Protein backbone atom coordinates (compact mmCIF):
# COMPACT_ATOMS: atom_id res chain seq x y z
CA UNK A 1 -229.11 10.30 101.62
CA UNK A 2 -232.55 12.20 100.89
CA UNK A 3 -232.40 15.64 99.73
CA UNK A 4 -235.63 17.62 98.64
CA UNK A 5 -235.99 21.82 97.34
CA UNK A 6 -238.31 22.51 99.41
CA UNK A 7 -240.50 26.47 98.55
CA UNK A 8 -241.16 28.33 101.58
CA UNK A 9 -243.05 31.41 100.42
CA UNK A 10 -242.91 33.20 103.87
CA UNK A 11 -239.16 33.51 102.91
CA UNK A 12 -238.26 37.54 102.70
CA UNK A 13 -234.80 37.46 103.56
CA UNK A 14 -231.39 35.91 104.69
CA UNK A 15 -232.54 35.98 108.09
CA UNK A 16 -235.39 33.60 107.55
CA UNK A 17 -233.19 31.94 106.02
CA UNK A 18 -230.08 31.28 108.72
CA UNK A 19 -232.95 30.92 111.04
CA UNK A 20 -234.15 27.49 109.14
CA UNK A 21 -231.43 26.09 108.71
CA UNK A 22 -230.78 26.95 112.87
CA UNK A 23 -233.82 25.24 113.27
CA UNK A 24 -233.47 22.53 110.57
CA UNK A 25 -229.64 21.38 111.49
CA UNK A 26 -230.70 20.94 115.15
CA UNK A 27 -232.15 18.10 113.85
CA UNK A 28 -230.75 14.33 114.12
CA UNK A 29 -229.92 13.16 110.77
CA UNK A 30 -229.58 16.66 108.64
CA UNK A 31 -226.63 16.82 106.48
CA UNK A 32 -227.23 20.12 104.26
CA UNK A 33 -229.37 22.72 104.52
CA UNK A 34 -228.84 25.36 102.01
CA UNK A 35 -231.24 28.48 101.21
CA UNK A 36 -232.24 31.41 98.64
CA UNK A 37 -234.09 34.38 100.01
CA UNK A 38 -234.66 35.53 96.40
CA UNK A 39 -236.99 32.00 95.19
CA UNK A 40 -237.94 31.20 98.89
CA UNK A 41 -236.63 28.25 98.13
CA UNK A 42 -234.36 25.57 101.29
CA UNK A 43 -232.45 22.39 99.93
CA UNK A 44 -232.02 19.92 102.54
CA UNK A 45 -230.06 16.71 102.80
CA UNK A 46 -230.66 14.27 105.30
CA UNK A 47 -230.38 10.81 106.70
CA UNK A 48 -232.35 8.61 108.93
CA UNK A 49 -233.27 9.40 111.84
CA UNK A 50 -234.68 12.30 110.35
CA UNK A 51 -237.72 12.32 107.41
CA UNK A 52 -239.48 14.54 105.10
CA UNK A 53 -242.59 14.38 107.44
CA UNK A 54 -239.96 15.79 110.12
CA UNK A 55 -238.89 18.28 107.95
CA UNK A 56 -241.95 19.46 107.20
CA UNK A 57 -243.29 19.01 110.60
CA UNK A 58 -240.40 21.32 112.10
CA UNK A 59 -240.79 23.75 109.33
CA UNK A 60 -244.45 24.31 109.98
CA UNK A 61 -243.74 24.49 114.05
CA UNK A 62 -241.64 27.61 113.30
CA UNK A 63 -244.07 29.17 110.93
CA UNK A 64 -242.03 28.57 107.98
CA UNK A 65 -244.72 26.03 106.13
CA UNK A 66 -243.52 24.06 102.48
CA UNK A 67 -245.71 24.45 100.06
């Protein structure tokens, strides 16, 4: 399993965190998604077939690009 914390400047509230969590959770291989609106971070854990690149692409697609 891989895991990473993402800094996402577009996060402004708990609703943003839930939107990201809902979108990423639909991807095959996502094991856990948690976020903190105060620090503008999301913690994601995943297995194949999901990759770091696919997660970043999804975040870009839903208008929450990671730095």
